Amino acid sequence: MIKEALMMLKMSVQRKTIGYTKYSGTAKDICRQIVEKCYNGRYFQVSVGHFDHFYVRDFAYCCESLIKCGFKNKVRKTIDYSLREFEKFGRFTTTITKNGPEDIFAPTPESLSLMLRSVNISGYELSEAQRKFIENQAHEIYNCYYDKKNHLLRQNIWFSSIKDHAIRSSSTYNNSMLYLLADMMDTQNLKNPFDKEIIRKAILNHLHNGRFFFSDMSRKSDLSSDANIFPFWCGVIDGKKMFLEILKQFQAARLENPYPIKYTNKLTDKLALPYSLLAPNYEGNTIWMHLGLVFIEVLHKYSSQEAKKYIKILTNLVDKHKNFLELYNPDGTVYHTLLYSSDESMLWASMLLQYLIINE
């Protein structure tokens, strides 16, 4: 982690002195160049910048888009590479660095959930050894992390998630990923210790108040965007009327303004040290591009016309910076602190590229 921090600091100084890489062409051209550069010959890394590793989460968010953009063969090679590394290591982790698999920042069941979703979307055929490994890992999650009384993840464990710096108590995001794991185990005809319908009912019973999903089991009243996007993305719930009502709440709270989308408009999460000191508000009310594009993906399913408005906003942002940057401040400026600068050339560009290809 110290080595990674030093590299990020070096990149931050470089960006403040000479700026970000500028790509030529239209937003579609720029996004395609970035995606092509993110494939390093063995796997898709998260960025051409300082996040130059394989992250299960980011790859899985992009997996379907990458396939739609014509990268199916490279997607399958990435899956093959990562599964071999995880099997050799003995468990699934959030990340594969140049030193091998490791969890950044904490273990999480979503690593297996999202790998299985990528396997399913790509049509990758699991070997018998891989199937057995995955089944053993699922049972490990069931035995170590699953609360068999309330049928959600245990509340006394910090799990890595899309909001890594936040210490949350059995979050809606992570429980949605638990549901996804149960669903994907069934889809792949694997021996499944979970009952997805019981998990679905538990999520709705414990984490939904009739209007929106709580961030976690502390059930604070603030509106969290990831908590209200991923139950739809993971298939916990499917309802146009319900999501469009949540969209109205996002708009009233200005979570999608000036760009989609901020985690929240209230800073109530307990944040892990020292990360919150090195990069203040990194995961507070900042605007995250990958979360914004997952939001657009869900919205596009229910209202393609409404989604087009946000697709246009992000297209203009790529045109403006001639790059696809990681995150922005609440006022729309690029995120910088004394020690950290927003990463660039993100694989997430594939999620925008799919819409730019469709609209040709």
Protein backbone atom coordinates (compact mmCIF):
# COMPACT_ATOMS: atom_id res chain seq x y z
CA MET A 1 0.00 0.00 0.00
CA ILE A 2 2.90 2.35 0.74
CA LYS A 3 4.36 1.62 -2.71
CA GLU A 4 0.97 2.29 -4.32
CA ALA A 5 0.57 5.55 -2.37
CA LEU A 6 3.99 6.78 -3.49
CA MET A 7 3.15 5.99 -7.11
CA MET A 8 -0.16 7.87 -6.82
CA LEU A 9 1.67 10.85 -5.31
CA LYS A 10 4.15 10.82 -8.19
CA MET A 11 1.30 10.72 -10.72
CA SER A 12 -0.49 13.51 -8.86
CA VAL A 13 2.57 15.80 -9.10
CA GLN A 14 2.92 14.94 -12.78
CA ARG A 15 -0.71 15.77 -13.53
CA LYS A 16 -0.51 19.07 -11.69
CA THR A 17 2.57 20.10 -13.65
CA ILE A 18 1.97 18.79 -17.17
CA GLY A 19 -1.73 17.86 -17.07
CA TYR A 20 -3.61 14.80 -18.23
CA THR A 21 -3.12 12.84 -21.44
CA LYS A 22 -5.01 14.36 -24.37
CA TYR A 23 -6.49 11.96 -26.91
CA SER A 24 -7.50 12.98 -30.41
CA GLY A 25 -10.83 12.58 -32.14
CA THR A 26 -14.47 12.47 -31.04
CA ALA A 27 -15.66 11.20 -27.66
CA LYS A 28 -16.25 7.82 -29.30
CA ASP A 29 -12.71 7.77 -30.70
CA ILE A 30 -11.26 8.75 -27.33
CA CYS A 31 -13.20 6.08 -25.43
CA ARG A 32 -12.14 3.36 -27.88
CA GLN A 33 -8.46 4.38 -27.67
CA ILE A 34 -8.61 4.22 -23.89
CA VAL A 35 -10.29 0.80 -23.81
CA GLU A 36 -7.70 -0.59 -26.24
CA LYS A 37 -4.87 0.78 -24.10
CA CYS A 38 -6.38 -0.76 -20.94
CA TYR A 39 -5.82 -4.25 -22.35
CA ASN A 40 -2.22 -5.12 -21.52
CA GLY A 41 -1.97 -8.40 -23.40
CA ARG A 42 -3.18 -10.57 -20.52
CA TYR A 43 -6.12 -8.73 -18.98
CA PHE A 44 -8.08 -5.48 -18.81
CA GLN A 45 -6.61 -3.19 -16.15
CA VAL A 46 -8.72 -0.45 -14.57
CA SER A 47 -6.81 2.41 -16.13
CA VAL A 48 -3.77 3.48 -18.09
CA GLY A 49 -2.99 5.71 -15.09
CA HIS A 50 -2.16 4.67 -11.53
CA PHE A 51 -4.85 1.97 -11.20
CA ASP A 52 -2.95 -0.28 -13.58
CA HIS A 53 -4.09 -3.58 -12.01
CA PHE A 54 -6.97 -6.01 -12.44
CA TYR A 55 -9.91 -5.13 -10.22
CA VAL A 56 -12.80 -7.60 -10.24
CA ARG A 57 -15.36 -4.89 -9.51
CA ASP A 58 -14.40 -2.47 -12.27
CA PHE A 59 -13.96 -5.21 -14.86
CA ALA A 60 -17.37 -6.68 -14.00
CA TYR A 61 -19.11 -3.31 -14.31
CA CYS A 62 -17.58 -2.99 -17.79
CA CYS A 63 -17.87 -6.63 -18.88
CA GLU A 64 -21.14 -6.46 -20.79
CA SER A 65 -20.18 -3.13 -22.40
CA LEU A 66 -16.80 -4.50 -23.48
CA ILE A 67 -18.53 -7.41 -25.20
CA LYS A 68 -20.99 -5.09 -26.95
CA CYS A 69 -18.04 -2.97 -28.12
CA GLY A 70 -16.34 -5.96 -29.77
CA PHE A 71 -13.88 -7.09 -27.08
CA LYS A 72 -15.43 -10.49 -26.23
CA ASN A 73 -12.26 -12.46 -26.91
CA LYS A 74 -10.21 -10.18 -24.64
CA VAL A 75 -12.93 -10.36 -21.98
CA ARG A 76 -12.68 -14.15 -21.96
CA LYS A 77 -8.89 -13.99 -21.80
CA THR A 78 -9.19 -11.65 -18.81
CA ILE A 79 -11.57 -14.04 -17.07
CA ASP A 80 -9.30 -16.99 -17.78
CA TYR A 81 -6.26 -15.13 -16.45
CA SER A 82 -7.99 -13.98 -13.27
CA LEU A 83 -9.60 -17.34 -12.46
CA ARG A 84 -6.24 -19.08 -12.80
CA GLU A 85 -4.61 -16.52 -10.49
CA PHE A 86 -7.36 -16.79 -7.88
CA GLU A 87 -7.37 -20.59 -7.96
CA LYS A 88 -3.59 -20.65 -7.55
CA PHE A 89 -3.87 -18.19 -4.63
CA GLY A 90 -6.63 -20.20 -2.98
CA ARG A 91 -9.40 -17.59 -2.82
CA PHE A 92 -11.00 -14.68 -4.62
CA THR A 93 -9.79 -11.16 -3.83
CA THR A 94 -10.74 -7.67 -4.95
CA THR A 95 -7.58 -7.18 -6.99
CA ILE A 96 -4.69 -8.81 -8.79
CA THR A 97 -1.60 -6.63 -8.59
CA LYS A 98 1.81 -7.29 -10.09
CA ASN A 99 2.59 -9.12 -6.82
CA GLY A 100 -0.46 -11.35 -7.15
CA PRO A 101 -4.00 -11.38 -5.66
CA GLU A 102 -4.77 -9.20 -2.65
CA ASP A 103 -7.74 -7.48 -1.03
CA ILE A 104 -7.95 -3.70 -1.34
CA PHE A 105 -9.16 -2.68 1.17
CA ALA A 106 -10.90 -5.65 2.83
CA PRO A 107 -12.28 -9.04 1.76
CA THR A 108 -15.72 -8.99 0.19
CA PRO A 109 -18.19 -11.57 -1.16
CA GLU A 110 -18.71 -9.34 -4.22
CA SER A 111 -15.41 -10.56 -5.68
CA LEU A 112 -16.97 -13.97 -6.30
CA SER A 113 -20.38 -12.51 -7.21
CA LEU A 114 -18.95 -10.25 -9.89
CA MET A 115 -16.56 -12.85 -11.29
CA LEU A 116 -19.50 -15.23 -11.74
CA ARG A 117 -21.58 -12.51 -13.42
CA SER A 118 -18.71 -11.90 -15.86
CA VAL A 119 -18.43 -15.65 -16.52
CA ASN A 120 -22.16 -15.80 -17.20
CA ILE A 121 -22.31 -12.75 -19.49
CA SER A 122 -19.27 -13.81 -21.53
CA GLY A 123 -20.28 -17.42 -21.97
CA TYR A 124 -16.96 -18.56 -20.50
CA GLU A 125 -17.10 -22.30 -19.77
CA LEU A 126 -15.89 -23.24 -16.31
CA SER A 127 -13.78 -26.37 -15.91
CA GLU A 128 -14.70 -28.95 -13.29
CA ALA A 129 -11.79 -27.79 -11.13
CA GLN A 130 -12.97 -24.16 -11.38
CA ARG A 131 -16.54 -25.17 -10.50
CA LYS A 132 -15.35 -27.01 -7.41
CA PHE A 133 -13.17 -24.06 -6.39
CA ILE A 134 -16.09 -21.63 -6.76
CA GLU A 135 -18.43 -23.91 -4.79
CA ASN A 136 -15.89 -24.12 -1.95
CA GLN A 137 -15.52 -20.33 -1.94
CA ALA A 138 -19.30 -19.81 -1.82
CA HIS A 139 -19.58 -22.18 1.15
CA GLU A 140 -16.73 -20.28 2.85
CA ILE A 141 -18.71 -17.04 2.47
CA TYR A 142 -21.82 -18.77 3.82
CA ASN A 143 -19.97 -20.08 6.88
CA CYS A 144 -17.90 -16.95 7.66
CA TYR A 145 -19.90 -13.93 6.53
CA TYR A 146 -23.58 -14.90 6.32
CA ASP A 147 -25.93 -14.18 9.22
CA LYS A 148 -28.23 -17.19 9.21
CA LYS A 149 -30.79 -15.45 11.43
CA ASN A 150 -31.56 -12.35 9.36
CA HIS A 151 -30.27 -13.80 6.03
CA LEU A 152 -27.98 -10.86 5.29
CA LEU A 153 -24.25 -10.30 5.69
CA ARG A 154 -23.02 -10.05 9.24
CA GLN A 155 -23.01 -6.56 10.72
CA ASN A 156 -19.71 -6.73 12.62
CA ILE A 157 -17.46 -7.05 9.55
CA TRP A 158 -16.07 -4.33 7.29
CA PHE A 159 -16.45 -5.46 3.68
CA SER A 160 -14.83 -3.79 0.71
CA SER A 161 -17.41 -2.28 -1.64
CA ILE A 162 -17.84 0.37 -4.32
CA LYS A 163 -17.47 2.82 -1.40
CA ASP A 164 -14.25 1.32 -0.02
CA HIS A 165 -13.40 4.10 2.43
CA ALA A 166 -16.77 3.89 4.21
CA ILE A 167 -17.12 1.56 7.20
CA ARG A 168 -20.71 0.43 6.84
CA SER A 169 -22.74 -2.17 8.68
CA SER A 170 -24.08 -4.85 6.31
CA SER A 171 -24.67 -2.39 3.47
CA THR A 172 -27.37 -2.57 0.84
CA TYR A 173 -24.64 -2.62 -1.81
CA ASN A 174 -22.92 -5.68 -0.34
CA ASN A 175 -26.19 -7.48 0.34
CA SER A 176 -27.27 -6.85 -3.25
CA MET A 177 -24.01 -8.51 -4.28
CA LEU A 178 -24.84 -11.42 -1.96
CA TYR A 179 -28.15 -11.81 -3.79
CA LEU A 180 -26.25 -11.69 -7.09
CA LEU A 181 -23.96 -14.47 -5.85
CA ALA A 182 -26.94 -16.69 -5.01
CA ASP A 183 -28.50 -15.93 -8.40
CA MET A 184 -25.31 -16.63 -10.38
CA MET A 185 -24.66 -19.89 -8.47
CA ASP A 186 -28.10 -21.08 -9.57
CA THR A 187 -27.59 -19.86 -13.14
CA GLN A 188 -24.32 -21.78 -13.44
CA ASN A 189 -25.87 -24.90 -11.82
CA LEU A 190 -23.36 -24.82 -8.97
CA LYS A 191 -23.94 -26.26 -5.50
CA ASN A 192 -25.47 -23.26 -3.78
CA PRO A 193 -25.66 -22.77 0.00
CA PHE A 194 -27.83 -19.65 -0.44
CA ASP A 195 -31.52 -19.18 -1.20
CA LYS A 196 -31.79 -16.04 -3.29
CA GLU A 197 -35.49 -15.52 -2.57
CA ILE A 198 -34.86 -15.52 1.18
CA ILE A 199 -32.06 -12.97 0.69
CA ARG A 200 -34.31 -10.82 -1.52
CA LYS A 201 -37.03 -10.75 1.14
CA ALA A 202 -34.47 -9.92 3.85
CA ILE A 203 -33.10 -6.98 1.84
CA LEU A 204 -36.58 -5.56 1.27
CA ASN A 205 -37.61 -6.19 4.88
CA HIS A 206 -34.53 -4.75 6.61
CA LEU A 207 -33.10 -2.21 4.15
CA HIS A 208 -36.06 -0.61 2.36
CA ASN A 209 -38.37 1.97 3.92
CA GLY A 210 -41.08 2.05 1.25
CA ARG A 211 -39.51 4.96 -0.63
CA PHE A 212 -35.81 4.12 -0.94
CA PHE A 213 -33.09 1.73 0.24
CA PHE A 214 -31.03 2.60 3.31
CA SER A 215 -27.25 2.70 2.91
CA ASP A 216 -26.79 -0.02 5.53
CA MET A 217 -28.29 -1.64 8.62
CA SER A 218 -27.81 1.54 10.66
CA ARG A 219 -30.83 2.73 8.64
CA LYS A 220 -29.84 6.41 8.53
CA SER A 221 -32.27 8.62 6.63
CA ASP A 222 -29.78 10.06 4.09
CA LEU A 223 -30.22 9.09 0.45
CA SER A 224 -27.33 6.99 -0.87
CA SER A 225 -27.06 6.57 -4.65
CA ASP A 226 -25.20 3.24 -4.67
CA ALA A 227 -27.73 1.75 -2.23
CA ASN A 228 -30.54 2.66 -4.64
CA ILE A 229 -28.88 1.67 -7.91
CA PHE A 230 -27.39 -1.76 -7.19
CA PRO A 231 -30.53 -3.56 -5.98
CA PHE A 232 -31.79 -2.98 -9.55
CA TRP A 233 -28.46 -3.73 -11.25
CA CYS A 234 -28.05 -6.98 -9.27
CA GLY A 235 -31.61 -8.10 -9.92
CA VAL A 236 -32.87 -7.92 -6.34
CA ILE A 237 -35.77 -5.88 -7.64
CA ASP A 238 -37.07 -4.96 -11.09
CA GLY A 239 -39.59 -2.16 -11.41
CA LYS A 240 -39.78 0.82 -13.74
CA LYS A 241 -42.15 2.83 -11.54
CA MET A 242 -40.04 2.24 -8.44
CA PHE A 243 -36.76 3.25 -10.09
CA LEU A 244 -38.24 6.37 -11.72
CA GLU A 245 -39.50 7.40 -8.28
CA ILE A 246 -35.95 6.99 -6.96
CA LEU A 247 -34.71 9.06 -9.92
CA LYS A 248 -36.98 11.90 -8.78
CA GLN A 249 -35.42 11.69 -5.33
CA PHE A 250 -31.91 11.76 -6.87
CA GLN A 251 -32.89 14.84 -8.84
CA ALA A 252 -34.43 16.57 -5.82
CA ALA A 253 -31.22 15.93 -3.87
CA ARG A 254 -29.16 17.02 -6.93
CA LEU A 255 -27.14 13.82 -6.84
CA GLU A 256 -27.05 13.76 -10.65
CA ASN A 257 -26.08 17.42 -10.99
CA PRO A 258 -23.85 18.64 -12.61
CA TYR A 259 -22.87 15.11 -13.71
CA PRO A 260 -24.12 11.67 -12.69
CA ILE A 261 -23.64 10.72 -9.92
CA LYS A 262 -22.67 11.63 -6.34
CA TYR A 263 -22.69 9.01 -3.60
CA THR A 264 -24.78 11.25 -1.35
CA ASN A 265 -25.45 14.88 -0.49
CA LYS A 266 -24.92 14.26 3.24
CA LEU A 267 -21.57 13.20 4.69
CA THR A 268 -22.65 10.75 7.40
CA ASP A 269 -20.51 7.65 6.78
CA LYS A 270 -17.64 6.79 9.10
CA LEU A 271 -14.54 6.79 6.90
CA ALA A 272 -11.48 4.59 7.31
CA LEU A 273 -8.15 6.13 8.28
CA PRO A 274 -5.67 7.05 6.88
CA TYR A 275 -7.38 7.08 3.47
CA SER A 276 -9.86 9.79 4.42
CA LEU A 277 -6.94 12.04 5.45
CA LEU A 278 -4.86 11.42 2.32
CA ALA A 279 -7.82 12.01 0.00
CA PRO A 280 -10.54 14.01 1.84
CA ASN A 281 -14.05 13.59 0.43
CA TYR A 282 -12.77 11.00 -2.05
CA GLU A 283 -15.95 9.02 -1.46
CA GLY A 284 -18.16 11.67 0.09
CA ASN A 285 -20.32 13.81 -2.18
CA THR A 286 -17.90 13.59 -5.10
CA ILE A 287 -19.09 12.63 -8.59
CA TRP A 288 -18.01 9.15 -9.69
CA MET A 289 -17.98 8.19 -13.35
CA HIS A 290 -18.31 4.41 -12.92
CA LEU A 291 -21.25 4.80 -10.54
CA GLY A 292 -22.80 7.33 -12.92
CA LEU A 293 -22.58 4.87 -15.79
CA VAL A 294 -24.09 2.00 -13.77
CA PHE A 295 -26.89 4.45 -12.93
CA ILE A 296 -27.32 5.23 -16.64
CA GLU A 297 -27.34 1.50 -17.46
CA VAL A 298 -30.23 0.88 -15.05
CA LEU A 299 -32.06 4.03 -16.15
CA HIS A 300 -31.63 3.11 -19.84
CA LYS A 301 -33.53 -0.12 -19.16
CA TYR A 302 -36.54 1.81 -17.84
CA SER A 303 -36.37 5.07 -19.81
CA SER A 304 -33.91 5.31 -22.70
CA GLN A 305 -35.02 8.87 -23.41
CA GLU A 306 -34.21 10.00 -19.86
CA ALA A 307 -30.88 8.17 -20.02
CA LYS A 308 -29.89 9.97 -23.24
CA LYS A 309 -29.75 13.27 -21.36
CA TYR A 310 -27.05 11.93 -19.03
CA ILE A 311 -25.21 10.15 -21.84
CA LYS A 312 -24.92 13.51 -23.60
CA ILE A 313 -23.56 15.16 -20.43
CA LEU A 314 -20.80 12.55 -20.08
CA THR A 315 -20.04 12.69 -23.81
CA ASN A 316 -19.49 16.44 -23.52
CA LEU A 317 -17.24 15.84 -20.51
CA VAL A 318 -15.01 13.49 -22.53
CA ASP A 319 -14.91 16.02 -25.37
CA LYS A 320 -13.94 18.76 -22.91
CA HIS A 321 -11.05 16.92 -21.23
CA LYS A 322 -10.07 14.75 -24.23
CA ASN A 323 -9.86 11.91 -21.73
CA PHE A 324 -12.06 9.81 -19.43
CA LEU A 325 -11.26 10.87 -15.86
CA GLU A 326 -12.02 9.06 -12.61
CA LEU A 327 -13.97 11.55 -10.51
CA TYR A 328 -14.99 15.16 -10.00
CA ASN A 329 -15.72 17.51 -7.12
CA PRO A 330 -19.39 18.35 -6.34
CA ASP A 331 -19.06 21.59 -8.34
CA GLY A 332 -17.91 19.70 -11.45
CA THR A 333 -14.19 20.50 -11.27
CA VAL A 334 -11.67 17.66 -11.51
CA TYR A 335 -10.89 16.11 -8.11
CA HIS A 336 -7.47 17.06 -6.69
CA THR A 337 -6.02 17.14 -3.19
CA LEU A 338 -2.53 17.93 -1.95
CA LEU A 339 -1.54 14.25 -2.28
CA TYR A 340 -3.96 12.82 -4.84
CA SER A 341 -5.27 13.64 -8.30
CA SER A 342 -8.11 11.96 -10.16
CA ASP A 343 -6.95 9.00 -12.23
CA GLU A 344 -7.29 9.05 -16.02
CA SER A 345 -7.88 6.82 -19.04
CA MET A 346 -10.35 4.59 -17.20
CA LEU A 347 -11.65 1.28 -18.52
CA TRP A 348 -15.07 2.66 -17.55
CA ALA A 349 -14.96 4.50 -20.89
CA SER A 350 -16.30 1.25 -22.39
CA MET A 351 -19.60 1.83 -20.57
CA LEU A 352 -20.05 5.12 -22.40
CA LEU A 353 -18.64 3.78 -25.66
CA GLN A 354 -21.45 1.23 -26.01
CA TYR A 355 -24.04 4.05 -26.19
CA LEU A 356 -21.95 6.10 -28.61
CA ILE A 357 -21.74 3.09 -30.93
CA ILE A 358 -25.50 2.51 -30.70
CA ASN A 359 -26.20 6.15 -31.54
CA GLU A 360 -23.98 6.22 -34.66
